[in-house]
Amino acid sequence: SPPSCSCSECGMGGLTFDAIPCPRCGSFNLRLITGRELEIESVELDEE
């Protein structure tokens, strides 16, 4: 899962750390939204 961030100042989402500063407001204050997760997505069983 790739990381994504949002700007803590203006709320712009869908950013990456490559987008520093925020393209909308120029803030350097980005908040990590995804990129730290460890989730079970699915389990496939040997059943009918």
ModelCIF file with pLDDT and N, C-alpha, C, O atoms, coordinates in Angstrom:
data_MODEL
#
_entry.id   MODEL 
#
_entity.id                         1 
_entity.type                       polymer 
_entity.pdbx_number_of_molecules   1 
#
_entity_poly.entity_id                      1 
_entity_poly.type                           'polypeptide(L)' 
_entity_poly.nstd_linkage                   no 
_entity_poly.nstd_monomer                   no 
_entity_poly.pdbx_seq_one_letter_code       SPPSCSCSECGMGGLTFDAIPCPRCGSFNLRLITGRELEIESVELDEE 
_entity_poly.pdbx_seq_one_letter_code_can   SPPSCSCSECGMGGLTFDAIPCPRCGSFNLRLITGRELEIESVELDEE 
_entity_poly.pdbx_strand_id                 A 
#
loop_
_entity_poly_seq.entity_id 
_entity_poly_seq.num 
_entity_poly_seq.mon_id 
_entity_poly_seq.hetero 
1 1  SER n 
1 2  PRO n 
1 3  PRO n 
1 4  SER n 
1 5  CYS n 
1 6  SER n 
1 7  CYS n 
1 8  SER n 
1 9  GLU n 
1 10 CYS n 
1 11 GLY n 
1 12 MET n 
1 13 GLY n 
1 14 GLY n 
1 15 LEU n 
1 16 THR n 
1 17 PHE n 
1 18 ASP n 
1 19 ALA n 
1 20 ILE n 
1 21 PRO n 
1 22 CYS n 
1 23 PRO n 
1 24 ARG n 
1 25 CYS n 
1 26 GLY n 
1 27 SER n 
1 28 PHE n 
1 29 ASN n 
1 30 LEU n 
1 31 ARG n 
1 32 LEU n 
1 33 ILE n 
1 34 THR n 
1 35 GLY n 
1 36 ARG n 
1 37 GLU n 
1 38 LEU n 
1 39 GLU n 
1 40 ILE n 
1 41 GLU n 
1 42 SER n 
1 43 VAL n 
1 44 GLU n 
1 45 LEU n 
1 46 ASP n 
1 47 GLU n 
1 48 GLU n 
#
_struct_asym.id          A 
_struct_asym.entity_id   1 
#
loop_
_ma_qa_metric.id 
_ma_qa_metric.mode 
_ma_qa_metric.name 
_ma_qa_metric.software_group_id 
_ma_qa_metric.type 
1 global pLDDT . pLDDT 
2 local  pLDDT . pLDDT 
#
_ma_qa_metric_global.metric_id      1 
_ma_qa_metric_global.metric_value   89.71 
_ma_qa_metric_global.model_id       1 
_ma_qa_metric_global.ordinal_id     1 
#
loop_
_ma_qa_metric_local.label_asym_id 
_ma_qa_metric_local.label_comp_id 
_ma_qa_metric_local.label_seq_id 
_ma_qa_metric_local.metric_id 
_ma_qa_metric_local.metric_value 
_ma_qa_metric_local.model_id 
_ma_qa_metric_local.ordinal_id 
A SER 1  2 91.00 1 1  
A PRO 2  2 90.00 1 2  
A PRO 3  2 91.00 1 3  
A SER 4  2 93.00 1 4  
A CYS 5  2 92.00 1 5  
A SER 6  2 94.00 1 6  
A CYS 7  2 94.00 1 7  
A SER 8  2 93.00 1 8  
A GLU 9  2 94.00 1 9  
A CYS 10 2 95.00 1 10 
A GLY 11 2 93.00 1 11 
A MET 12 2 93.00 1 12 
A GLY 13 2 91.00 1 13 
A GLY 14 2 88.00 1 14 
A LEU 15 2 86.00 1 15 
A THR 16 2 83.00 1 16 
A PHE 17 2 78.00 1 17 
A ASP 18 2 78.00 1 18 
A ALA 19 2 73.00 1 19 
A ILE 20 2 82.00 1 20 
A PRO 21 2 90.00 1 21 
A CYS 22 2 91.00 1 22 
A PRO 23 2 91.00 1 23 
A ARG 24 2 93.00 1 24 
A CYS 25 2 94.00 1 25 
A GLY 26 2 92.00 1 26 
A SER 27 2 92.00 1 27 
A PHE 28 2 91.00 1 28 
A ASN 29 2 92.00 1 29 
A LEU 30 2 91.00 1 30 
A ARG 31 2 92.00 1 31 
A LEU 32 2 91.00 1 32 
A ILE 33 2 92.00 1 33 
A THR 34 2 92.00 1 34 
A GLY 35 2 93.00 1 35 
A ARG 36 2 94.00 1 36 
A GLU 37 2 94.00 1 37 
A LEU 38 2 95.00 1 38 
A GLU 39 2 95.00 1 39 
A ILE 40 2 96.00 1 40 
A GLU 41 2 96.00 1 41 
A SER 42 2 96.00 1 42 
A VAL 43 2 95.00 1 43 
A GLU 44 2 95.00 1 44 
A LEU 45 2 94.00 1 45 
A ASP 46 2 88.00 1 46 
A GLU 47 2 67.00 1 47 
A GLU 48 2 52.00 1 48 
#
loop_
_atom_site.group_PDB 
_atom_site.id 
_atom_site.type_symbol 
_atom_site.label_atom_id 
_atom_site.label_alt_id 
_atom_site.label_comp_id 
_atom_site.label_asym_id 
_atom_site.label_entity_id 
_atom_site.label_seq_id 
_atom_site.pdbx_PDB_ins_code 
_atom_site.Cartn_x 
_atom_site.Cartn_y 
_atom_site.Cartn_z 
_atom_site.occupancy 
_atom_site.B_iso_or_equiv 
_atom_site.pdbx_formal_charge 
_atom_site.auth_seq_id 
_atom_site.auth_comp_id 
_atom_site.auth_asym_id 
_atom_site.auth_atom_id 
_atom_site.pdbx_PDB_model_num 
ATOM 1   N N  . SER A 1 1  ? 0.844   -1.188  0.000  1.00 91.00 ? 1  SER A N  1 
ATOM 2   C CA . SER A 1 1  ? 0.000   0.000   0.000  1.00 91.00 ? 1  SER A CA 1 
ATOM 3   C C  . SER A 1 1  ? 0.885   1.245   0.000  1.00 91.00 ? 1  SER A C  1 
ATOM 4   O O  . SER A 1 1  ? 1.643   1.464   0.944  1.00 91.00 ? 1  SER A O  1 
ATOM 5   N N  . PRO A 1 2  ? 0.795   2.055   -1.044 1.00 90.00 ? 2  PRO A N  1 
ATOM 6   C CA . PRO A 1 2  ? 1.633   3.263   -1.099 1.00 90.00 ? 2  PRO A CA 1 
ATOM 7   C C  . PRO A 1 2  ? 1.143   4.307   -0.093 1.00 90.00 ? 2  PRO A C  1 
ATOM 8   O O  . PRO A 1 2  ? -0.022  4.297   0.307  1.00 90.00 ? 2  PRO A O  1 
ATOM 9   N N  . PRO A 1 3  ? 2.026   5.190   0.301  1.00 91.00 ? 3  PRO A N  1 
ATOM 10  C CA . PRO A 1 3  ? 1.614   6.228   1.243  1.00 91.00 ? 3  PRO A CA 1 
ATOM 11  C C  . PRO A 1 3  ? 0.808   7.322   0.558  1.00 91.00 ? 3  PRO A C  1 
ATOM 12  O O  . PRO A 1 3  ? 1.016   7.639   -0.613 1.00 91.00 ? 3  PRO A O  1 
ATOM 13  N N  . SER A 1 4  ? -0.104  7.878   1.314  1.00 93.00 ? 4  SER A N  1 
ATOM 14  C CA . SER A 1 4  ? -0.793  9.085   0.861  1.00 93.00 ? 4  SER A CA 1 
ATOM 15  C C  . SER A 1 4  ? -0.935  10.011  2.061  1.00 93.00 ? 4  SER A C  1 
ATOM 16  O O  . SER A 1 4  ? -0.998  9.568   3.208  1.00 93.00 ? 4  SER A O  1 
ATOM 17  N N  . CYS A 1 5  ? -0.983  11.289  1.772  1.00 92.00 ? 5  CYS A N  1 
ATOM 18  C CA . CYS A 1 5  ? -1.014  12.305  2.824  1.00 92.00 ? 5  CYS A CA 1 
ATOM 19  C C  . CYS A 1 5  ? -2.117  13.305  2.536  1.00 92.00 ? 5  CYS A C  1 
ATOM 20  O O  . CYS A 1 5  ? -2.669  13.367  1.438  1.00 92.00 ? 5  CYS A O  1 
ATOM 21  N N  . SER A 1 6  ? -2.415  14.084  3.563  1.00 94.00 ? 6  SER A N  1 
ATOM 22  C CA . SER A 1 6  ? -3.275  15.252  3.372  1.00 94.00 ? 6  SER A CA 1 
ATOM 23  C C  . SER A 1 6  ? -2.603  16.431  4.065  1.00 94.00 ? 6  SER A C  1 
ATOM 24  O O  . SER A 1 6  ? -1.807  16.260  4.989  1.00 94.00 ? 6  SER A O  1 
ATOM 25  N N  . CYS A 1 7  ? -2.931  17.590  3.614  1.00 94.00 ? 7  CYS A N  1 
ATOM 26  C CA . CYS A 1 7  ? -2.368  18.798  4.192  1.00 94.00 ? 7  CYS A CA 1 
ATOM 27  C C  . CYS A 1 7  ? -3.120  19.118  5.477  1.00 94.00 ? 7  CYS A C  1 
ATOM 28  O O  . CYS A 1 7  ? -4.349  19.193  5.484  1.00 94.00 ? 7  CYS A O  1 
ATOM 29  N N  . SER A 1 8  ? -2.382  19.305  6.555  1.00 93.00 ? 8  SER A N  1 
ATOM 30  C CA . SER A 1 8  ? -3.002  19.625  7.845  1.00 93.00 ? 8  SER A CA 1 
ATOM 31  C C  . SER A 1 8  ? -3.539  21.056  7.885  1.00 93.00 ? 8  SER A C  1 
ATOM 32  O O  . SER A 1 8  ? -4.354  21.383  8.747  1.00 93.00 ? 8  SER A O  1 
ATOM 33  N N  . GLU A 1 9  ? -3.101  21.894  6.980  1.00 94.00 ? 9  GLU A N  1 
ATOM 34  C CA . GLU A 1 9  ? -3.533  23.296  6.969  1.00 94.00 ? 9  GLU A CA 1 
ATOM 35  C C  . GLU A 1 9  ? -4.794  23.506  6.130  1.00 94.00 ? 9  GLU A C  1 
ATOM 36  O O  . GLU A 1 9  ? -5.768  24.084  6.612  1.00 94.00 ? 9  GLU A O  1 
ATOM 37  N N  . CYS A 1 10 ? -4.783  23.042  4.881  1.00 95.00 ? 10 CYS A N  1 
ATOM 38  C CA . CYS A 1 10 ? -5.925  23.316  3.994  1.00 95.00 ? 10 CYS A CA 1 
ATOM 39  C C  . CYS A 1 10 ? -6.782  22.089  3.728  1.00 95.00 ? 10 CYS A C  1 
ATOM 40  O O  . CYS A 1 10 ? -7.868  22.204  3.159  1.00 95.00 ? 10 CYS A O  1 
ATOM 41  N N  . GLY A 1 11 ? -6.302  20.902  4.137  1.00 93.00 ? 11 GLY A N  1 
ATOM 42  C CA . GLY A 1 11 ? -7.098  19.686  3.977  1.00 93.00 ? 11 GLY A CA 1 
ATOM 43  C C  . GLY A 1 11 ? -6.975  19.003  2.633  1.00 93.00 ? 11 GLY A C  1 
ATOM 44  O O  . GLY A 1 11 ? -7.634  17.991  2.396  1.00 93.00 ? 11 GLY A O  1 
ATOM 45  N N  . MET A 1 12 ? -6.144  19.534  1.745  1.00 93.00 ? 12 MET A N  1 
ATOM 46  C CA . MET A 1 12 ? -5.994  18.897  0.438  1.00 93.00 ? 12 MET A CA 1 
ATOM 47  C C  . MET A 1 12 ? -5.512  17.465  0.622  1.00 93.00 ? 12 MET A C  1 
ATOM 48  O O  . MET A 1 12 ? -4.536  17.222  1.331  1.00 93.00 ? 12 MET A O  1 
ATOM 49  N N  . GLY A 1 13 ? -6.193  16.517  -0.014 1.00 91.00 ? 13 GLY A N  1 
ATOM 50  C CA . GLY A 1 13 ? -5.851  15.105  0.112  1.00 91.00 ? 13 GLY A CA 1 
ATOM 51  C C  . GLY A 1 13 ? -5.193  14.566  -1.136 1.00 91.00 ? 13 GLY A C  1 
ATOM 52  O O  . GLY A 1 13 ? -5.012  15.281  -2.121 1.00 91.00 ? 13 GLY A O  1 
ATOM 53  N N  . GLY A 1 14 ? -4.834  13.278  -1.082 1.00 88.00 ? 14 GLY A N  1 
ATOM 54  C CA . GLY A 1 14 ? -4.244  12.611  -2.225 1.00 88.00 ? 14 GLY A CA 1 
ATOM 55  C C  . GLY A 1 14 ? -2.818  13.027  -2.508 1.00 88.00 ? 14 GLY A C  1 
ATOM 56  O O  . GLY A 1 14 ? -2.329  12.865  -3.627 1.00 88.00 ? 14 GLY A O  1 
ATOM 57  N N  . LEU A 1 15 ? -2.143  13.564  -1.494 1.00 86.00 ? 15 LEU A N  1 
ATOM 58  C CA . LEU A 1 15 ? -0.777  14.016  -1.679 1.00 86.00 ? 15 LEU A CA 1 
ATOM 59  C C  . LEU A 1 15 ? 0.213   12.908  -1.332 1.00 86.00 ? 15 LEU A C  1 
ATOM 60  O O  . LEU A 1 15 ? -0.129  11.945  -0.646 1.00 86.00 ? 15 LEU A O  1 
ATOM 61  N N  . THR A 1 16 ? 1.425   13.057  -1.809 1.00 83.00 ? 16 THR A N  1 
ATOM 62  C CA . THR A 1 16 ? 2.528   12.198  -1.394 1.00 83.00 ? 16 THR A CA 1 
ATOM 63  C C  . THR A 1 16 ? 3.586   13.107  -0.792 1.00 83.00 ? 16 THR A C  1 
ATOM 64  O O  . THR A 1 16 ? 3.510   14.331  -0.903 1.00 83.00 ? 16 THR A O  1 
ATOM 65  N N  . PHE A 1 17 ? 4.571   12.494  -0.154 1.00 78.00 ? 17 PHE A N  1 
ATOM 66  C CA . PHE A 1 17 ? 5.630   13.309  0.426  1.00 78.00 ? 17 PHE A CA 1 
ATOM 67  C C  . PHE A 1 17 ? 6.444   14.012  -0.654 1.00 78.00 ? 17 PHE A C  1 
ATOM 68  O O  . PHE A 1 17 ? 7.193   14.944  -0.361 1.00 78.00 ? 17 PHE A O  1 
ATOM 69  N N  . ASP A 1 18 ? 6.300   13.574  -1.890 1.00 78.00 ? 18 ASP A N  1 
ATOM 70  C CA . ASP A 1 18 ? 6.953   14.263  -3.000 1.00 78.00 ? 18 ASP A CA 1 
ATOM 71  C C  . ASP A 1 18 ? 6.306   15.622  -3.255 1.00 78.00 ? 18 ASP A C  1 
ATOM 72  O O  . ASP A 1 18 ? 6.889   16.475  -3.926 1.00 78.00 ? 18 ASP A O  1 
ATOM 73  N N  . ALA A 1 19 ? 5.099   15.824  -2.720 1.00 73.00 ? 19 ALA A N  1 
ATOM 74  C CA . ALA A 1 19 ? 4.346   17.049  -2.976 1.00 73.00 ? 19 ALA A CA 1 
ATOM 75  C C  . ALA A 1 19 ? 4.637   18.140  -1.955 1.00 73.00 ? 19 ALA A C  1 
ATOM 76  O O  . ALA A 1 19 ? 3.890   19.115  -1.870 1.00 73.00 ? 19 ALA A O  1 
ATOM 77  N N  . ILE A 1 20 ? 5.703   17.999  -1.182 1.00 82.00 ? 20 ILE A N  1 
ATOM 78  C CA . ILE A 1 20 ? 6.029   19.018  -0.187 1.00 82.00 ? 20 ILE A CA 1 
ATOM 79  C C  . ILE A 1 20 ? 6.685   20.194  -0.902 1.00 82.00 ? 20 ILE A C  1 
ATOM 80  O O  . ILE A 1 20 ? 7.605   19.968  -1.689 1.00 82.00 ? 20 ILE A O  1 
ATOM 81  N N  . PRO A 1 21 ? 6.281   21.386  -0.681 1.00 90.00 ? 21 PRO A N  1 
ATOM 82  C CA . PRO A 1 21 ? 5.156   21.807  0.140  1.00 90.00 ? 21 PRO A CA 1 
ATOM 83  C C  . PRO A 1 21 ? 3.823   21.554  -0.566 1.00 90.00 ? 21 PRO A C  1 
ATOM 84  O O  . PRO A 1 21 ? 3.781   21.245  -1.757 1.00 90.00 ? 21 PRO A O  1 
ATOM 85  N N  . CYS A 1 22 ? 2.736   21.692  0.199  1.00 91.00 ? 22 CYS A N  1 
ATOM 86  C CA . CYS A 1 22 ? 1.397   21.486  -0.362 1.00 91.00 ? 22 CYS A CA 1 
ATOM 87  C C  . CYS A 1 22 ? 1.213   22.392  -1.573 1.00 91.00 ? 22 CYS A C  1 
ATOM 88  O O  . CYS A 1 22 ? 1.465   23.594  -1.495 1.00 91.00 ? 22 CYS A O  1 
ATOM 89  N N  . PRO A 1 23 ? 0.773   21.815  -2.698 1.00 91.00 ? 23 PRO A N  1 
ATOM 90  C CA . PRO A 1 23 ? 0.611   22.635  -3.904 1.00 91.00 ? 23 PRO A CA 1 
ATOM 91  C C  . PRO A 1 23 ? -0.510  23.671  -3.786 1.00 91.00 ? 23 PRO A C  1 
ATOM 92  O O  . PRO A 1 23 ? -0.533  24.639  -4.546 1.00 91.00 ? 23 PRO A O  1 
ATOM 93  N N  . ARG A 1 24 ? -1.427  23.483  -2.858 1.00 93.00 ? 24 ARG A N  1 
ATOM 94  C CA . ARG A 1 24 ? -2.535  24.434  -2.716 1.00 93.00 ? 24 ARG A CA 1 
ATOM 95  C C  . ARG A 1 24 ? -2.169  25.616  -1.811 1.00 93.00 ? 24 ARG A C  1 
ATOM 96  O O  . ARG A 1 24 ? -2.401  26.771  -2.169 1.00 93.00 ? 24 ARG A O  1 
ATOM 97  N N  . CYS A 1 25 ? -1.585  25.315  -0.616 1.00 94.00 ? 25 CYS A N  1 
ATOM 98  C CA . CYS A 1 25 ? -1.373  26.407  0.343  1.00 94.00 ? 25 CYS A CA 1 
ATOM 99  C C  . CYS A 1 25 ? 0.094   26.639  0.710  1.00 94.00 ? 25 CYS A C  1 
ATOM 100 O O  . CYS A 1 25 ? 0.412   27.613  1.392  1.00 94.00 ? 25 CYS A O  1 
ATOM 101 N N  . GLY A 1 26 ? 0.995   25.748  0.259  1.00 92.00 ? 26 GLY A N  1 
ATOM 102 C CA . GLY A 1 26 ? 2.411   25.936  0.533  1.00 92.00 ? 26 GLY A CA 1 
ATOM 103 C C  . GLY A 1 26 ? 2.871   25.417  1.888  1.00 92.00 ? 26 GLY A C  1 
ATOM 104 O O  . GLY A 1 26 ? 4.035   25.593  2.247  1.00 92.00 ? 26 GLY A O  1 
ATOM 105 N N  . SER A 1 27 ? 1.984   24.780  2.649  1.00 92.00 ? 27 SER A N  1 
ATOM 106 C CA . SER A 1 27 ? 2.342   24.267  3.977  1.00 92.00 ? 27 SER A CA 1 
ATOM 107 C C  . SER A 1 27 ? 3.258   23.048  3.867  1.00 92.00 ? 27 SER A C  1 
ATOM 108 O O  . SER A 1 27 ? 3.177   22.270  2.916  1.00 92.00 ? 27 SER A O  1 
ATOM 109 N N  . PHE A 1 28 ? 4.120   22.907  4.851  1.00 91.00 ? 28 PHE A N  1 
ATOM 110 C CA . PHE A 1 28 ? 4.979   21.724  4.952  1.00 91.00 ? 28 PHE A CA 1 
ATOM 111 C C  . PHE A 1 28 ? 4.390   20.717  5.944  1.00 91.00 ? 28 PHE A C  1 
ATOM 112 O O  . PHE A 1 28 ? 5.009   19.690  6.222  1.00 91.00 ? 28 PHE A O  1 
ATOM 113 N N  . ASN A 1 29 ? 3.228   20.998  6.465  1.00 92.00 ? 29 ASN A N  1 
ATOM 114 C CA . ASN A 1 29 ? 2.610   20.194  7.508  1.00 92.00 ? 29 ASN A CA 1 
ATOM 115 C C  . ASN A 1 29 ? 1.657   19.166  6.886  1.00 92.00 ? 29 ASN A C  1 
ATOM 116 O O  . ASN A 1 29 ? 0.452   19.396  6.785  1.00 92.00 ? 29 ASN A O  1 
ATOM 117 N N  . LEU A 1 30 ? 2.227   18.024  6.470  1.00 91.00 ? 30 LEU A N  1 
ATOM 118 C CA . LEU A 1 30 ? 1.423   16.959  5.876  1.00 91.00 ? 30 LEU A CA 1 
ATOM 119 C C  . LEU A 1 30 ? 1.195   15.850  6.894  1.00 91.00 ? 30 LEU A C  1 
ATOM 120 O O  . LEU A 1 30 ? 2.052   15.572  7.733  1.00 91.00 ? 30 LEU A O  1 
ATOM 121 N N  . ARG A 1 31 ? 0.028   15.222  6.808  1.00 92.00 ? 31 ARG A N  1 
ATOM 122 C CA . ARG A 1 31 ? -0.344  14.147  7.715  1.00 92.00 ? 31 ARG A CA 1 
ATOM 123 C C  . ARG A 1 31 ? -0.492  12.857  6.908  1.00 92.00 ? 31 ARG A C  1 
ATOM 124 O O  . ARG A 1 31 ? -1.196  12.823  5.898  1.00 92.00 ? 31 ARG A O  1 
ATOM 125 N N  . LEU A 1 32 ? 0.182   11.795  7.367  1.00 91.00 ? 32 LEU A N  1 
ATOM 126 C CA . LEU A 1 32 ? 0.127   10.501  6.696  1.00 91.00 ? 32 LEU A CA 1 
ATOM 127 C C  . LEU A 1 32 ? -1.261  9.891   6.887  1.00 91.00 ? 32 LEU A C  1 
ATOM 128 O O  . LEU A 1 32 ? -1.727  9.750   8.017  1.00 91.00 ? 32 LEU A O  1 
ATOM 129 N N  . ILE A 1 33 ? -1.923  9.529   5.787  1.00 92.00 ? 33 ILE A N  1 
ATOM 130 C CA . ILE A 1 33 ? -3.253  8.937   5.832  1.00 92.00 ? 33 ILE A CA 1 
ATOM 131 C C  . ILE A 1 33 ? -3.156  7.422   5.639  1.00 92.00 ? 33 ILE A C  1 
ATOM 132 O O  . ILE A 1 33 ? -3.720  6.657   6.422  1.00 92.00 ? 33 ILE A O  1 
ATOM 133 N N  . THR A 1 34 ? -2.450  6.997   4.612  1.00 92.00 ? 34 THR A N  1 
ATOM 134 C CA . THR A 1 34 ? -2.232  5.568   4.379  1.00 92.00 ? 34 THR A CA 1 
ATOM 135 C C  . THR A 1 34 ? -0.740  5.312   4.233  1.00 92.00 ? 34 THR A C  1 
ATOM 136 O O  . THR A 1 34 ? 0.034   6.208   3.897  1.00 92.00 ? 34 THR A O  1 
ATOM 137 N N  . GLY A 1 35 ? -0.361  4.085   4.489  1.00 93.00 ? 35 GLY A N  1 
ATOM 138 C CA . GLY A 1 35 ? 1.035   3.712   4.352  1.00 93.00 ? 35 GLY A CA 1 
ATOM 139 C C  . GLY A 1 35 ? 1.567   2.973   5.567  1.00 93.00 ? 35 GLY A C  1 
ATOM 140 O O  . GLY A 1 35 ? 2.658   2.406   5.521  1.00 93.00 ? 35 GLY A O  1 
ATOM 141 N N  . ARG A 1 36 ? 0.794   2.974   6.669  1.00 94.00 ? 36 ARG A N  1 
ATOM 142 C CA . ARG A 1 36 ? 1.217   2.275   7.878  1.00 94.00 ? 36 ARG A CA 1 
ATOM 143 C C  . ARG A 1 36 ? 0.388   1.029   8.155  1.00 94.00 ? 36 ARG A C  1 
ATOM 144 O O  . ARG A 1 36 ? 0.632   0.332   9.140  1.00 94.00 ? 36 ARG A O  1 
ATOM 145 N N  . GLU A 1 37 ? -0.578  0.743   7.310  1.00 94.00 ? 37 GLU A N  1 
ATOM 146 C CA . GLU A 1 37 ? -1.516  -0.333  7.600  1.00 94.00 ? 37 GLU A CA 1 
ATOM 147 C C  . GLU A 1 37 ? -0.918  -1.722  7.405  1.00 94.00 ? 37 GLU A C  1 
ATOM 148 O O  . GLU A 1 37 ? 0.033   -1.919  6.649  1.00 94.00 ? 37 GLU A O  1 
ATOM 149 N N  . LEU A 1 38 ? -1.505  -2.659  8.105  1.00 95.00 ? 38 LEU A N  1 
ATOM 150 C CA . LEU A 1 38 ? -1.240  -4.083  7.945  1.00 95.00 ? 38 LEU A CA 1 
ATOM 151 C C  . LEU A 1 38 ? -2.602  -4.731  8.121  1.00 95.00 ? 38 LEU A C  1 
ATOM 152 O O  . LEU A 1 38 ? -3.065  -4.921  9.245  1.00 95.00 ? 38 LEU A O  1 
ATOM 153 N N  . GLU A 1 39 ? -3.242  -5.070  7.012  1.00 95.00 ? 39 GLU A N  1 
ATOM 154 C CA . GLU A 1 39 ? -4.621  -5.545  7.033  1.00 95.00 ? 39 GLU A CA 1 
ATOM 155 C C  . GLU A 1 39 ? -4.769  -6.849  6.270  1.00 95.00 ? 39 GLU A C  1 
ATOM 156 O O  . GLU A 1 39 ? -4.126  -7.071  5.244  1.00 95.00 ? 39 GLU A O  1 
ATOM 157 N N  . ILE A 1 40 ? -5.622  -7.692  6.793  1.00 96.00 ? 40 ILE A N  1 
ATOM 158 C CA . ILE A 1 40 ? -6.001  -8.903  6.077  1.00 96.00 ? 40 ILE A CA 1 
ATOM 159 C C  . ILE A 1 40 ? -7.091  -8.488  5.103  1.00 96.00 ? 40 ILE A C  1 
ATOM 160 O O  . ILE A 1 40 ? -8.167  -8.051  5.512  1.00 96.00 ? 40 ILE A O  1 
ATOM 161 N N  . GLU A 1 41 ? -6.815  -8.623  3.836  1.00 96.00 ? 41 GLU A N  1 
ATOM 162 C CA . GLU A 1 41 ? -7.777  -8.234  2.801  1.00 96.00 ? 41 GLU A CA 1 
ATOM 163 C C  . GLU A 1 41 ? -8.784  -9.339  2.536  1.00 96.00 ? 41 GLU A C  1 
ATOM 164 O O  . GLU A 1 41 ? -9.986  -9.083  2.471  1.00 96.00 ? 41 GLU A O  1 
ATOM 165 N N  . SER A 1 42 ? -8.300  -10.575 2.384  1.00 96.00 ? 42 SER A N  1 
ATOM 166 C CA . SER A 1 42 ? -9.215  -11.679 2.107  1.00 96.00 ? 42 SER A CA 1 
ATOM 167 C C  . SER A 1 42 ? -8.564  -13.000 2.488  1.00 96.00 ? 42 SER A C  1 
ATOM 168 O O  . SER A 1 42 ? -7.344  -13.122 2.597  1.00 96.00 ? 42 SER A O  1 
ATOM 169 N N  . VAL A 1 43 ? -9.429  -13.974 2.684  1.00 95.00 ? 43 VAL A N  1 
ATOM 170 C CA . VAL A 1 43 ? -9.016  -15.330 2.999  1.00 95.00 ? 43 VAL A CA 1 
ATOM 171 C C  . VAL A 1 43 ? -9.805  -16.248 2.083  1.00 95.00 ? 43 VAL A C  1 
ATOM 172 O O  . VAL A 1 43 ? -11.034 -16.180 2.048  1.00 95.00 ? 43 VAL A O  1 
ATOM 173 N N  . GLU A 1 44 ? -9.119  -17.102 1.343  1.00 95.00 ? 44 GLU A N  1 
ATOM 174 C CA . GLU A 1 44 ? -9.785  -18.035 0.440  1.00 95.00 ? 44 GLU A CA 1 
ATOM 175 C C  . GLU A 1 44 ? -9.747  -19.429 1.059  1.00 95.00 ? 44 GLU A C  1 
ATOM 176 O O  . GLU A 1 44 ? -8.694  -19.915 1.472  1.00 95.00 ? 44 GLU A O  1 
ATOM 177 N N  . LEU A 1 45 ? -10.913 -20.056 1.112  1.00 94.00 ? 45 LEU A N  1 
ATOM 178 C CA . LEU A 1 45 ? -11.036 -21.372 1.724  1.00 94.00 ? 45 LEU A CA 1 
ATOM 179 C C  . LEU A 1 45 ? -11.175 -22.449 0.669  1.00 94.00 ? 45 LEU A C  1 
ATOM 180 O O  . LEU A 1 45 ? -11.636 -22.190 -0.443 1.00 94.00 ? 45 LEU A O  1 
ATOM 181 N N  . ASP A 1 46 ? -10.777 -23.654 1.022  1.00 88.00 ? 46 ASP A N  1 
ATOM 182 C CA . ASP A 1 46 ? -10.949 -24.825 0.171  1.00 88.00 ? 46 ASP A CA 1 
ATOM 183 C C  . ASP A 1 46 ? -12.307 -25.423 0.503  1.00 88.00 ? 46 ASP A C  1 
ATOM 184 O O  . ASP A 1 46 ? -12.405 -26.407 1.237  1.00 88.00 ? 46 ASP A O  1 
ATOM 185 N N  . GLU A 1 47 ? -13.353 -24.815 -0.048 1.00 67.00 ? 47 GLU A N  1 
ATOM 186 C CA . GLU A 1 47 ? -14.728 -25.237 0.183  1.00 67.00 ? 47 GLU A CA 1 
ATOM 187 C C  . GLU A 1 47 ? -15.518 -25.031 -1.099 1.00 67.00 ? 47 GLU A C  1 
ATOM 188 O O  . GLU A 1 47 ? -15.041 -24.423 -2.057 1.00 67.00 ? 47 GLU A O  1 
ATOM 189 N N  . GLU A 1 48 ? -16.714 -25.543 -1.090 1.00 52.00 ? 48 GLU A N  1 
ATOM 190 C CA . GLU A 1 48 ? -17.616 -25.291 -2.208 1.00 52.00 ? 48 GLU A CA 1 
ATOM 191 C C  . GLU A 1 48 ? -18.212 -23.890 -2.114 1.00 52.00 ? 48 GLU A C  1 
ATOM 192 O O  . GLU A 1 48 ? -19.001 -23.496 -2.973 1.00 52.00 ? 48 GLU A O  1 
#
